[in-house]
Amino acid sequence: AHLNNGCEYAGGFYADNMTIAELADWHRPKIEALIEGGSDCLIIATIPSLKEAEAIIEVVKEHPGMKFILSFSAQNEKTISHGEKMSEVAQRCWELAADQILAIGVNCQHPRFSVPLLRSIKEANPDIPLFVRSNSSHERFNTETYKWELTENEKTLQEYCRDWLELGVKYIGGCCRTTVDDISSFREEIRKFTIKNK
């Protein structure tokens, strides 16, 4: 997604008017530049649709040794931004490239969506490693006004981190509006979880 109009969060409906081959041609130069630059692995994030993920997989599979993570933008607790069910999208991607995929997950969404989305992947296929990079828990991006709005009565990111760890999420990070303190809290939760589960 690169239209700078927020479509990767609002649904990525440009994919409805493009073929997988066209999407692959758009992604290929960027992916190849990263690989040629010496990347050990790729994190391809904020993917709004299954079709775009299939195009990305097609390009990365042209480089069989390259490992990658696919991360999707989410519409709600069940679907990615384009409207497909997260569990079905993850399963399809895994079928196409399990030998190269390090993890599948979500990014750039409110953390309250992350737990049910990640749980749906785990329930559909417990072999799929999970990834999350969530936004802050006290703000959300309004795709109509293109502004951040405060939310109330939310759990902290540290509390969400505990949930992610209990689900078995392998890769945890912060996305929009997260801070150094948030990342430090993840580290502390991971440390406590590791000690508890030795």
N, C-alpha and C. Protein backbone atom coordinates (compact mmCIF):
# COMPACT_ATOMS: atom_id res chain seq x y z
N ALA A 1 0.85 -1.18 0.00
CA ALA A 1 0.00 0.00 0.00
C ALA A 1 0.88 1.24 0.00
N HIS A 2 0.61 2.14 -0.89
CA HIS A 2 1.49 3.31 -0.99
C HIS A 2 0.78 4.49 -1.64
N LEU A 3 -0.51 4.61 -1.47
CA LEU A 3 -1.22 5.71 -2.12
C LEU A 3 -1.26 6.96 -1.26
N ASN A 4 -0.79 6.85 -0.01
CA ASN A 4 -0.76 7.99 0.91
C ASN A 4 -2.14 8.57 1.20
N ASN A 5 -3.17 7.79 1.00
CA ASN A 5 -4.52 8.26 1.31
C ASN A 5 -5.18 7.40 2.38
N GLY A 6 -4.40 6.58 3.04
CA GLY A 6 -4.94 5.75 4.11
C GLY A 6 -5.70 4.53 3.64
N CYS A 7 -5.66 4.21 2.35
CA CYS A 7 -6.46 3.09 1.85
C CYS A 7 -6.01 1.75 2.42
N GLU A 8 -4.75 1.66 2.88
CA GLU A 8 -4.31 0.40 3.46
C GLU A 8 -5.01 0.13 4.78
N TYR A 9 -5.61 1.16 5.38
CA TYR A 9 -6.38 0.99 6.62
C TYR A 9 -7.88 0.92 6.33
N ALA A 10 -8.30 1.58 5.27
CA ALA A 10 -9.73 1.67 4.95
C ALA A 10 -10.19 0.53 4.05
N GLY A 11 -9.30 -0.30 3.59
CA GLY A 11 -9.73 -1.45 2.81
C GLY A 11 -8.87 -1.82 1.64
N GLY A 12 -8.03 -0.93 1.17
CA GLY A 12 -7.16 -1.27 0.05
C GLY A 12 -7.93 -1.68 -1.18
N PHE A 13 -9.01 -0.96 -1.48
CA PHE A 13 -9.88 -1.38 -2.57
C PHE A 13 -9.24 -1.18 -3.94
N TYR A 14 -8.05 -0.56 -4.01
CA TYR A 14 -7.31 -0.52 -5.26
C TYR A 14 -7.05 -1.93 -5.75
N ALA A 15 -6.95 -2.88 -4.82
CA ALA A 15 -6.68 -4.27 -5.20
C ALA A 15 -7.83 -4.85 -6.01
N ASP A 16 -9.04 -4.31 -5.83
CA ASP A 16 -10.18 -4.80 -6.61
C ASP A 16 -10.01 -4.50 -8.09
N ASN A 17 -9.23 -3.49 -8.41
CA ASN A 17 -9.06 -3.06 -9.79
C ASN A 17 -7.71 -3.45 -10.38
N MET A 18 -6.96 -4.27 -9.64
CA MET A 18 -5.64 -4.70 -10.11
C MET A 18 -5.55 -6.22 -10.06
N THR A 19 -4.78 -6.79 -10.95
CA THR A 19 -4.55 -8.23 -10.92
C THR A 19 -3.41 -8.54 -9.95
N ILE A 20 -3.27 -9.81 -9.61
CA ILE A 20 -2.14 -10.22 -8.78
C ILE A 20 -0.83 -9.89 -9.49
N ALA A 21 -0.80 -10.10 -10.80
CA ALA A 21 0.42 -9.80 -11.57
C ALA A 21 0.76 -8.31 -11.51
N GLU A 22 -0.25 -7.44 -11.60
CA GLU A 22 0.00 -6.00 -11.52
C GLU A 22 0.51 -5.60 -10.13
N LEU A 23 -0.10 -6.18 -9.11
CA LEU A 23 0.35 -5.90 -7.74
C LEU A 23 1.78 -6.42 -7.53
N ALA A 24 2.07 -7.60 -8.07
CA ALA A 24 3.42 -8.16 -7.96
C ALA A 24 4.43 -7.26 -8.65
N ASP A 25 4.08 -6.76 -9.83
CA ASP A 25 4.98 -5.86 -10.56
C ASP A 25 5.24 -4.58 -9.78
N TRP A 26 4.23 -4.11 -9.04
CA TRP A 26 4.40 -2.90 -8.23
C TRP A 26 5.34 -3.16 -7.05
N HIS A 27 5.18 -4.31 -6.41
CA HIS A 27 5.99 -4.63 -5.23
C HIS A 27 7.41 -5.10 -5.58
N ARG A 28 7.59 -5.72 -6.75
CA ARG A 28 8.87 -6.36 -7.08
C ARG A 28 10.08 -5.44 -6.93
N PRO A 29 10.10 -4.22 -7.49
CA PRO A 29 11.32 -3.41 -7.37
C PRO A 29 11.68 -3.08 -5.92
N LYS A 30 10.69 -2.86 -5.10
CA LYS A 30 10.96 -2.53 -3.69
C LYS A 30 11.49 -3.74 -2.93
N ILE A 31 10.86 -4.88 -3.14
CA ILE A 31 11.30 -6.11 -2.47
C ILE A 31 12.70 -6.49 -2.94
N GLU A 32 12.94 -6.41 -4.24
CA GLU A 32 14.26 -6.76 -4.77
C GLU A 32 15.34 -5.81 -4.26
N ALA A 33 15.01 -4.53 -4.11
CA ALA A 33 15.99 -3.57 -3.59
C ALA A 33 16.37 -3.92 -2.15
N LEU A 34 15.40 -4.32 -1.35
CA LEU A 34 15.69 -4.71 0.03
C LEU A 34 16.55 -5.97 0.09
N ILE A 35 16.23 -6.93 -0.77
CA ILE A 35 17.01 -8.17 -0.79
C ILE A 35 18.43 -7.90 -1.28
N GLU A 36 18.55 -7.15 -2.37
CA GLU A 36 19.88 -6.82 -2.90
C GLU A 36 20.69 -5.98 -1.92
N GLY A 37 20.00 -5.24 -1.06
CA GLY A 37 20.68 -4.43 -0.05
C GLY A 37 21.20 -5.24 1.13
N GLY A 38 20.90 -6.54 1.15
CA GLY A 38 21.44 -7.41 2.18
C GLY A 38 20.51 -7.74 3.33
N SER A 39 19.22 -7.52 3.17
CA SER A 39 18.27 -7.84 4.25
C SER A 39 18.32 -9.33 4.59
N ASP A 40 18.32 -9.62 5.89
CA ASP A 40 18.28 -11.01 6.35
C ASP A 40 16.89 -11.61 6.20
N CYS A 41 15.89 -10.78 6.45
CA CYS A 41 14.50 -11.18 6.28
C CYS A 41 13.69 -9.92 6.03
N LEU A 42 12.46 -10.10 5.59
CA LEU A 42 11.58 -8.96 5.30
C LEU A 42 10.37 -9.00 6.22
N ILE A 43 9.96 -7.83 6.68
CA ILE A 43 8.66 -7.68 7.35
C ILE A 43 7.83 -6.82 6.42
N ILE A 44 6.83 -7.42 5.83
CA ILE A 44 5.97 -6.70 4.89
C ILE A 44 4.65 -6.48 5.61
N ALA A 45 4.37 -5.21 5.90
CA ALA A 45 3.32 -4.89 6.86
C ALA A 45 2.23 -4.01 6.26
N THR A 46 1.15 -3.92 7.03
CA THR A 46 -0.01 -3.09 6.71
C THR A 46 -0.63 -3.52 5.39
N ILE A 47 -0.69 -4.83 5.18
CA ILE A 47 -1.28 -5.40 3.97
C ILE A 47 -2.79 -5.42 4.17
N PRO A 48 -3.57 -4.81 3.26
CA PRO A 48 -5.01 -4.72 3.47
C PRO A 48 -5.84 -5.87 2.90
N SER A 49 -5.27 -6.64 1.95
CA SER A 49 -6.09 -7.64 1.26
C SER A 49 -5.32 -8.93 0.99
N LEU A 50 -6.06 -10.01 0.86
CA LEU A 50 -5.45 -11.29 0.51
C LEU A 50 -4.79 -11.21 -0.85
N LYS A 51 -5.43 -10.56 -1.81
CA LYS A 51 -4.86 -10.48 -3.15
C LYS A 51 -3.48 -9.83 -3.13
N GLU A 52 -3.33 -8.77 -2.34
CA GLU A 52 -2.02 -8.12 -2.26
C GLU A 52 -1.00 -9.04 -1.59
N ALA A 53 -1.44 -9.78 -0.58
CA ALA A 53 -0.54 -10.74 0.08
C ALA A 53 -0.09 -11.82 -0.91
N GLU A 54 -1.01 -12.30 -1.73
CA GLU A 54 -0.66 -13.32 -2.73
C GLU A 54 0.37 -12.77 -3.71
N ALA A 55 0.23 -11.50 -4.09
CA ALA A 55 1.20 -10.87 -4.99
C ALA A 55 2.57 -10.76 -4.33
N ILE A 56 2.58 -10.37 -3.07
CA ILE A 56 3.84 -10.25 -2.32
C ILE A 56 4.51 -11.61 -2.21
N ILE A 57 3.73 -12.63 -1.89
CA ILE A 57 4.28 -13.99 -1.79
C ILE A 57 4.89 -14.42 -3.12
N GLU A 58 4.19 -14.13 -4.21
CA GLU A 58 4.71 -14.48 -5.53
C GLU A 58 6.09 -13.87 -5.76
N VAL A 59 6.26 -12.61 -5.37
CA VAL A 59 7.55 -11.94 -5.57
C VAL A 59 8.62 -12.52 -4.65
N VAL A 60 8.31 -12.70 -3.38
CA VAL A 60 9.32 -13.20 -2.44
C VAL A 60 9.72 -14.63 -2.79
N LYS A 61 8.79 -15.42 -3.30
CA LYS A 61 9.12 -16.80 -3.68
C LYS A 61 10.10 -16.86 -4.85
N GLU A 62 10.28 -15.76 -5.56
CA GLU A 62 11.31 -15.70 -6.60
C GLU A 62 12.71 -15.72 -5.98
N HIS A 63 12.77 -15.59 -4.65
CA HIS A 63 14.02 -15.60 -3.88
C HIS A 63 13.89 -16.65 -2.79
N PRO A 64 14.07 -17.94 -3.13
CA PRO A 64 13.73 -19.04 -2.22
C PRO A 64 14.40 -19.01 -0.85
N GLY A 65 15.54 -18.39 -0.71
CA GLY A 65 16.20 -18.35 0.60
C GLY A 65 15.72 -17.23 1.51
N MET A 66 14.90 -16.34 1.00
CA MET A 66 14.48 -15.17 1.77
C MET A 66 13.29 -15.50 2.67
N LYS A 67 13.48 -15.29 3.97
CA LYS A 67 12.40 -15.48 4.94
C LYS A 67 11.65 -14.16 5.10
N PHE A 68 10.36 -14.24 5.43
CA PHE A 68 9.59 -13.01 5.57
C PHE A 68 8.42 -13.18 6.52
N ILE A 69 7.96 -12.03 7.01
CA ILE A 69 6.78 -11.94 7.87
C ILE A 69 5.72 -11.15 7.11
N LEU A 70 4.49 -11.64 7.14
CA LEU A 70 3.36 -10.92 6.56
C LEU A 70 2.51 -10.37 7.69
N SER A 71 2.22 -9.08 7.62
CA SER A 71 1.42 -8.45 8.66
C SER A 71 0.32 -7.62 8.01
N PHE A 72 -0.89 -7.78 8.52
CA PHE A 72 -2.08 -7.19 7.90
C PHE A 72 -2.66 -6.06 8.73
N SER A 73 -3.28 -5.10 8.04
CA SER A 73 -4.08 -4.09 8.72
C SER A 73 -5.46 -4.71 8.95
N ALA A 74 -6.09 -4.33 10.05
CA ALA A 74 -7.34 -4.98 10.45
C ALA A 74 -8.50 -4.00 10.47
N GLN A 75 -9.67 -4.51 10.12
CA GLN A 75 -10.90 -3.74 10.10
C GLN A 75 -11.62 -3.82 11.44
N ASN A 76 -11.54 -5.00 12.04
CA ASN A 76 -12.23 -5.26 13.31
C ASN A 76 -11.59 -6.50 13.94
N GLU A 77 -12.30 -7.16 14.84
CA GLU A 77 -11.75 -8.32 15.55
C GLU A 77 -11.70 -9.60 14.72
N LYS A 78 -12.27 -9.58 13.51
CA LYS A 78 -12.34 -10.80 12.70
C LYS A 78 -11.71 -10.66 11.32
N THR A 79 -11.75 -9.45 10.76
CA THR A 79 -11.37 -9.32 9.35
C THR A 79 -10.25 -8.31 9.15
N ILE A 80 -9.49 -8.54 8.07
CA ILE A 80 -8.49 -7.56 7.67
C ILE A 80 -9.21 -6.41 6.97
N SER A 81 -8.48 -5.38 6.62
CA SER A 81 -9.10 -4.14 6.14
C SER A 81 -9.99 -4.32 4.91
N HIS A 82 -9.64 -5.24 4.04
CA HIS A 82 -10.44 -5.46 2.83
C HIS A 82 -11.70 -6.26 3.11
N GLY A 83 -11.78 -6.90 4.27
CA GLY A 83 -12.99 -7.62 4.65
C GLY A 83 -12.86 -9.13 4.73
N GLU A 84 -11.71 -9.68 4.32
CA GLU A 84 -11.53 -11.13 4.40
C GLU A 84 -11.26 -11.54 5.85
N LYS A 85 -11.69 -12.76 6.20
CA LYS A 85 -11.45 -13.27 7.56
C LYS A 85 -9.96 -13.51 7.76
N MET A 86 -9.46 -13.02 8.87
CA MET A 86 -8.03 -13.15 9.18
C MET A 86 -7.58 -14.60 9.17
N SER A 87 -8.38 -15.48 9.77
CA SER A 87 -7.98 -16.89 9.85
C SER A 87 -7.82 -17.51 8.47
N GLU A 88 -8.73 -17.17 7.55
CA GLU A 88 -8.66 -17.73 6.19
C GLU A 88 -7.49 -17.14 5.41
N VAL A 89 -7.24 -15.86 5.60
CA VAL A 89 -6.11 -15.21 4.93
C VAL A 89 -4.80 -15.84 5.39
N ALA A 90 -4.65 -16.00 6.69
CA ALA A 90 -3.42 -16.58 7.23
C ALA A 90 -3.21 -18.00 6.72
N GLN A 91 -4.26 -18.78 6.72
CA GLN A 91 -4.15 -20.17 6.25
C GLN A 91 -3.75 -20.22 4.78
N ARG A 92 -4.34 -19.37 3.95
CA ARG A 92 -4.01 -19.34 2.52
C ARG A 92 -2.54 -18.94 2.31
N CYS A 93 -2.10 -17.93 3.02
CA CYS A 93 -0.70 -17.49 2.90
C CYS A 93 0.26 -18.60 3.33
N TRP A 94 -0.09 -19.27 4.42
CA TRP A 94 0.75 -20.37 4.93
C TRP A 94 0.83 -21.50 3.90
N GLU A 95 -0.29 -21.81 3.27
CA GLU A 95 -0.29 -22.85 2.24
C GLU A 95 0.62 -22.48 1.07
N LEU A 96 0.68 -21.21 0.75
CA LEU A 96 1.48 -20.76 -0.39
C LEU A 96 2.98 -20.70 -0.11
N ALA A 97 3.36 -20.46 1.17
CA ALA A 97 4.79 -20.20 1.42
C ALA A 97 5.24 -20.56 2.83
N ALA A 98 4.76 -21.65 3.37
CA ALA A 98 5.14 -22.02 4.74
C ALA A 98 6.64 -22.17 4.91
N ASP A 99 7.33 -22.56 3.86
CA ASP A 99 8.77 -22.77 3.95
C ASP A 99 9.56 -21.47 4.07
N GLN A 100 8.93 -20.33 3.76
CA GLN A 100 9.63 -19.05 3.82
C GLN A 100 9.05 -18.09 4.86
N ILE A 101 7.83 -18.32 5.28
CA ILE A 101 7.17 -17.40 6.21
C ILE A 101 7.64 -17.65 7.64
N LEU A 102 8.14 -16.60 8.27
CA LEU A 102 8.55 -16.66 9.68
C LEU A 102 7.36 -16.48 10.61
N ALA A 103 6.39 -15.66 10.20
CA ALA A 103 5.21 -15.40 11.03
C ALA A 103 4.17 -14.66 10.20
N ILE A 104 2.94 -14.71 10.70
CA ILE A 104 1.83 -13.96 10.12
C ILE A 104 1.13 -13.26 11.26
N GLY A 105 0.71 -12.02 11.03
CA GLY A 105 0.03 -11.31 12.10
C GLY A 105 -0.58 -10.01 11.65
N VAL A 106 -0.65 -9.08 12.61
CA VAL A 106 -1.33 -7.80 12.38
C VAL A 106 -0.46 -6.65 12.88
N ASN A 107 -0.64 -5.51 12.25
CA ASN A 107 0.04 -4.30 12.71
C ASN A 107 -0.85 -3.10 12.43
N CYS A 108 -0.48 -2.01 13.07
CA CYS A 108 -1.10 -0.71 12.83
C CYS A 108 -2.61 -0.75 13.06
N GLN A 109 -3.00 -1.43 14.14
CA GLN A 109 -4.41 -1.48 14.50
C GLN A 109 -4.52 -1.26 16.01
N HIS A 110 -5.73 -0.98 16.45
CA HIS A 110 -5.92 -0.85 17.89
C HIS A 110 -5.66 -2.21 18.52
N PRO A 111 -4.96 -2.26 19.66
CA PRO A 111 -4.61 -3.56 20.24
C PRO A 111 -5.81 -4.42 20.64
N ARG A 112 -6.96 -3.82 20.86
CA ARG A 112 -8.12 -4.64 21.24
C ARG A 112 -8.52 -5.58 20.10
N PHE A 113 -8.18 -5.23 18.85
CA PHE A 113 -8.45 -6.13 17.72
C PHE A 113 -7.45 -7.28 17.67
N SER A 114 -6.25 -7.04 18.19
CA SER A 114 -5.15 -7.98 17.96
C SER A 114 -5.38 -9.35 18.59
N VAL A 115 -5.88 -9.40 19.81
CA VAL A 115 -6.01 -10.69 20.49
C VAL A 115 -6.99 -11.61 19.75
N PRO A 116 -8.21 -11.16 19.42
CA PRO A 116 -9.10 -12.07 18.69
C PRO A 116 -8.60 -12.42 17.29
N LEU A 117 -7.94 -11.48 16.62
CA LEU A 117 -7.39 -11.78 15.29
C LEU A 117 -6.31 -12.84 15.38
N LEU A 118 -5.39 -12.67 16.31
CA LEU A 118 -4.31 -13.65 16.47
C LEU A 118 -4.84 -14.99 16.95
N ARG A 119 -5.82 -14.96 17.84
CA ARG A 119 -6.43 -16.21 18.31
C ARG A 119 -7.08 -16.96 17.14
N SER A 120 -7.71 -16.22 16.22
CA SER A 120 -8.35 -16.88 15.08
C SER A 120 -7.33 -17.59 14.20
N ILE A 121 -6.14 -17.01 14.06
CA ILE A 121 -5.07 -17.67 13.30
C ILE A 121 -4.65 -18.94 14.02
N LYS A 122 -4.42 -18.83 15.31
CA LYS A 122 -3.95 -19.98 16.10
C LYS A 122 -4.96 -21.11 16.08
N GLU A 123 -6.24 -20.77 16.17
CA GLU A 123 -7.28 -21.80 16.16
C GLU A 123 -7.40 -22.47 14.79
N ALA A 124 -7.18 -21.70 13.73
CA ALA A 124 -7.26 -22.26 12.37
C ALA A 124 -6.06 -23.15 12.07
N ASN A 125 -4.88 -22.73 12.56
CA ASN A 125 -3.67 -23.51 12.30
C ASN A 125 -2.62 -23.18 13.36
N PRO A 126 -2.50 -24.00 14.38
CA PRO A 126 -1.55 -23.71 15.46
C PRO A 126 -0.08 -23.73 15.03
N ASP A 127 0.21 -24.20 13.82
CA ASP A 127 1.59 -24.23 13.33
C ASP A 127 2.07 -22.87 12.84
N ILE A 128 1.16 -21.93 12.60
CA ILE A 128 1.55 -20.62 12.07
C ILE A 128 2.12 -19.76 13.20
N PRO A 129 3.39 -19.37 13.12
CA PRO A 129 3.94 -18.45 14.13
C PRO A 129 3.25 -17.08 14.02
N LEU A 130 3.10 -16.42 15.16
CA LEU A 130 2.33 -15.17 15.21
C LEU A 130 3.22 -13.95 15.41
N PHE A 131 2.74 -12.82 14.87
CA PHE A 131 3.44 -11.54 14.89
C PHE A 131 2.44 -10.44 15.23
N VAL A 132 2.86 -9.46 16.04
CA VAL A 132 2.00 -8.30 16.29
C VAL A 132 2.86 -7.05 16.48
N ARG A 133 2.42 -5.97 15.86
CA ARG A 133 2.96 -4.63 16.11
C ARG A 133 1.75 -3.72 16.22
N SER A 134 1.34 -3.46 17.43
CA SER A 134 0.10 -2.75 17.67
C SER A 134 0.32 -1.26 17.86
N ASN A 135 -0.72 -0.49 17.58
CA ASN A 135 -0.71 0.94 17.91
C ASN A 135 -0.88 1.11 19.41
N SER A 136 -0.78 2.34 19.87
CA SER A 136 -1.01 2.62 21.29
C SER A 136 -2.44 2.25 21.65
N SER A 137 -2.68 2.01 22.91
CA SER A 137 -4.01 1.57 23.33
C SER A 137 -4.93 2.72 23.70
N HIS A 138 -4.42 3.95 23.71
CA HIS A 138 -5.26 5.06 24.13
C HIS A 138 -5.62 6.02 23.00
N GLU A 139 -5.30 5.65 21.75
CA GLU A 139 -5.67 6.47 20.60
C GLU A 139 -6.06 5.57 19.45
N ARG A 140 -6.85 6.09 18.55
CA ARG A 140 -7.16 5.37 17.32
C ARG A 140 -7.17 6.37 16.18
N PHE A 141 -6.87 5.87 14.97
CA PHE A 141 -6.83 6.73 13.79
C PHE A 141 -8.19 6.72 13.12
N ASN A 142 -8.77 7.89 12.91
CA ASN A 142 -10.05 8.02 12.24
C ASN A 142 -9.79 8.13 10.74
N THR A 143 -10.22 7.13 9.97
CA THR A 143 -9.93 7.10 8.53
C THR A 143 -10.78 8.10 7.75
N GLU A 144 -11.80 8.67 8.38
CA GLU A 144 -12.60 9.70 7.70
C GLU A 144 -12.00 11.09 7.88
N THR A 145 -11.52 11.38 9.09
CA THR A 145 -10.95 12.71 9.36
C THR A 145 -9.43 12.72 9.23
N TYR A 146 -8.82 11.54 9.16
CA TYR A 146 -7.37 11.39 9.10
C TYR A 146 -6.68 12.02 10.31
N LYS A 147 -7.30 11.84 11.47
CA LYS A 147 -6.73 12.36 12.72
C LYS A 147 -6.76 11.29 13.78
N TRP A 148 -5.83 11.41 14.74
CA TRP A 148 -5.81 10.52 15.90
C TRP A 148 -6.81 11.02 16.92
N GLU A 149 -7.58 10.08 17.50
CA GLU A 149 -8.58 10.43 18.51
C GLU A 149 -8.30 9.63 19.77
N LEU A 150 -8.50 10.27 20.92
CA LEU A 150 -8.30 9.59 22.19
C LEU A 150 -9.41 8.58 22.44
N THR A 151 -9.06 7.45 23.04
CA THR A 151 -10.05 6.47 23.47
C THR A 151 -9.95 6.36 24.99
N GLU A 152 -11.00 5.87 25.60
CA GLU A 152 -11.01 5.78 27.06
C GLU A 152 -11.24 4.34 27.49
N ASN A 153 -10.96 4.09 28.77
CA ASN A 153 -11.24 2.80 29.40
C ASN A 153 -10.58 1.64 28.67
N GLU A 154 -9.36 1.82 28.27
CA GLU A 154 -8.63 0.78 27.56
C GLU A 154 -7.56 0.16 28.45
N LYS A 155 -7.26 -1.09 28.17
CA LYS A 155 -6.11 -1.74 28.82
C LYS A 155 -4.83 -1.06 28.33
N THR A 156 -3.79 -1.21 29.10
CA THR A 156 -2.49 -0.70 28.66
C THR A 156 -1.87 -1.67 27.66
N LEU A 157 -0.90 -1.19 26.91
CA LEU A 157 -0.18 -2.07 26.00
C LEU A 157 0.52 -3.18 26.76
N GLN A 158 0.98 -2.89 27.96
CA GLN A 158 1.63 -3.92 28.78
C GLN A 158 0.65 -5.04 29.08
N GLU A 159 -0.60 -4.70 29.37
CA GLU A 159 -1.61 -5.73 29.62
C GLU A 159 -1.90 -6.53 28.36
N TYR A 160 -1.96 -5.84 27.22
CA TYR A 160 -2.15 -6.56 25.96
C TYR A 160 -0.96 -7.48 25.68
N CYS A 161 0.23 -7.04 26.02
CA CYS A 161 1.43 -7.85 25.81
C CYS A 161 1.30 -9.18 26.55
N ARG A 162 0.77 -9.16 27.76
CA ARG A 162 0.55 -10.41 28.50
C ARG A 162 -0.37 -11.34 27.71
N ASP A 163 -1.43 -10.78 27.14
CA ASP A 163 -2.36 -11.58 26.34
C ASP A 163 -1.66 -12.18 25.13
N TRP A 164 -0.83 -11.37 24.45
CA TRP A 164 -0.11 -11.87 23.28
C TRP A 164 0.82 -13.02 23.65
N LEU A 165 1.51 -12.87 24.76
CA LEU A 165 2.42 -13.92 25.20
C LEU A 165 1.66 -15.20 25.53
N GLU A 166 0.53 -15.07 26.19
CA GLU A 166 -0.29 -16.25 26.51
C GLU A 166 -0.77 -16.96 25.25
N LEU A 167 -0.98 -16.19 24.17
CA LEU A 167 -1.38 -16.79 22.89
C LEU A 167 -0.21 -17.45 22.17
N GLY A 168 1.00 -17.17 22.62
CA GLY A 168 2.17 -17.74 21.97
C GLY A 168 2.74 -16.88 20.86
N VAL A 169 2.44 -15.58 20.87
CA VAL A 169 2.98 -14.69 19.84
C VAL A 169 4.50 -14.70 19.92
N LYS A 170 5.14 -14.89 18.77
CA LYS A 170 6.59 -15.03 18.71
C LYS A 170 7.31 -13.69 18.54
N TYR A 171 6.69 -12.76 17.81
CA TYR A 171 7.30 -11.47 17.52
C TYR A 171 6.35 -10.36 17.99
N ILE A 172 6.84 -9.48 18.87
CA ILE A 172 6.02 -8.41 19.45
C ILE A 172 6.74 -7.09 19.27
N GLY A 173 6.01 -6.07 18.80
CA GLY A 173 6.60 -4.75 18.65
C GLY A 173 5.53 -3.68 18.72
N GLY A 174 5.96 -2.45 18.58
CA GLY A 174 5.05 -1.31 18.61
C GLY A 174 4.93 -0.68 17.25
N CYS A 175 3.78 -0.08 17.00
CA CYS A 175 3.54 0.62 15.74
C CYS A 175 3.19 2.07 16.07
N CYS A 176 2.20 2.62 15.42
CA CYS A 176 1.89 4.05 15.56
C CYS A 176 1.62 4.46 17.00
N ARG A 177 2.21 5.57 17.37
CA ARG A 177 2.00 6.22 18.65
C ARG A 177 2.51 5.42 19.84
N THR A 178 3.30 4.39 19.60
CA THR A 178 3.93 3.71 20.73
C THR A 178 5.21 4.45 21.09
N THR A 179 5.65 4.24 22.32
CA THR A 179 6.79 5.00 22.84
C THR A 179 7.90 4.06 23.29
N VAL A 180 9.01 4.64 23.63
CA VAL A 180 10.12 3.87 24.21
C VAL A 180 9.65 3.17 25.48
N ASP A 181 8.83 3.84 26.27
CA ASP A 181 8.31 3.23 27.50
C ASP A 181 7.46 2.00 27.19
N ASP A 182 6.66 2.08 26.11
CA ASP A 182 5.85 0.92 25.71
C ASP A 182 6.75 -0.26 25.37
N ILE A 183 7.79 -0.01 24.59
CA ILE A 183 8.70 -1.08 24.19
C ILE A 183 9.41 -1.65 25.42
N SER A 184 9.78 -0.79 26.35
CA SER A 184 10.39 -1.26 27.60
C SER A 184 9.43 -2.14 28.39
N SER A 185 8.15 -1.77 28.37
CA SER A 185 7.15 -2.59 29.09
C SER A 185 7.00 -3.96 28.43
N PHE A 186 7.11 -4.02 27.09
CA PHE A 186 7.08 -5.32 26.40
C PHE A 186 8.25 -6.18 26.88
N ARG A 187 9.42 -5.56 26.92
CA ARG A 187 10.62 -6.30 27.35
C ARG A 187 10.42 -6.87 28.74
N GLU A 188 9.87 -6.06 29.64
CA GLU A 188 9.66 -6.51 31.01
C GLU A 188 8.65 -7.65 31.07
N GLU A 189 7.56 -7.54 30.30
CA GLU A 189 6.56 -8.61 30.27
C GLU A 189 7.14 -9.90 29.71
N ILE A 190 7.94 -9.78 28.66
CA ILE A 190 8.58 -10.96 28.07
C ILE A 190 9.53 -11.60 29.07
N ARG A 191 10.29 -10.79 29.80
CA ARG A 191 11.19 -11.30 30.83
C ARG A 191 10.42 -12.07 31.90
N LYS A 192 9.34 -11.47 32.41
CA LYS A 192 8.53 -12.13 33.46
C LYS A 192 7.89 -13.41 32.93
N PHE A 193 7.40 -13.36 31.69
CA PHE A 193 6.76 -14.53 31.09
C PHE A 193 7.76 -15.67 30.92
N THR A 194 8.96 -15.33 30.49
CA THR A 194 10.01 -16.34 30.29
C THR A 194 10.39 -17.00 31.61
N ILE A 195 10.55 -16.22 32.65
CA ILE A 195 10.89 -16.77 33.97
C ILE A 195 9.76 -17.66 34.47
N LYS A 196 8.53 -17.20 34.33
CA LYS A 196 7.37 -17.95 34.81
C LYS A 196 7.20 -19.29 34.09
N ASN A 197 7.59 -19.34 32.83
CA ASN A 197 7.34 -20.53 32.01
C ASN A 197 8.59 -21.36 31.73
N LYS A 198 9.62 -21.21 32.57
CA LYS A 198 10.83 -22.03 32.40
C LYS A 198 10.55 -23.46 32.74
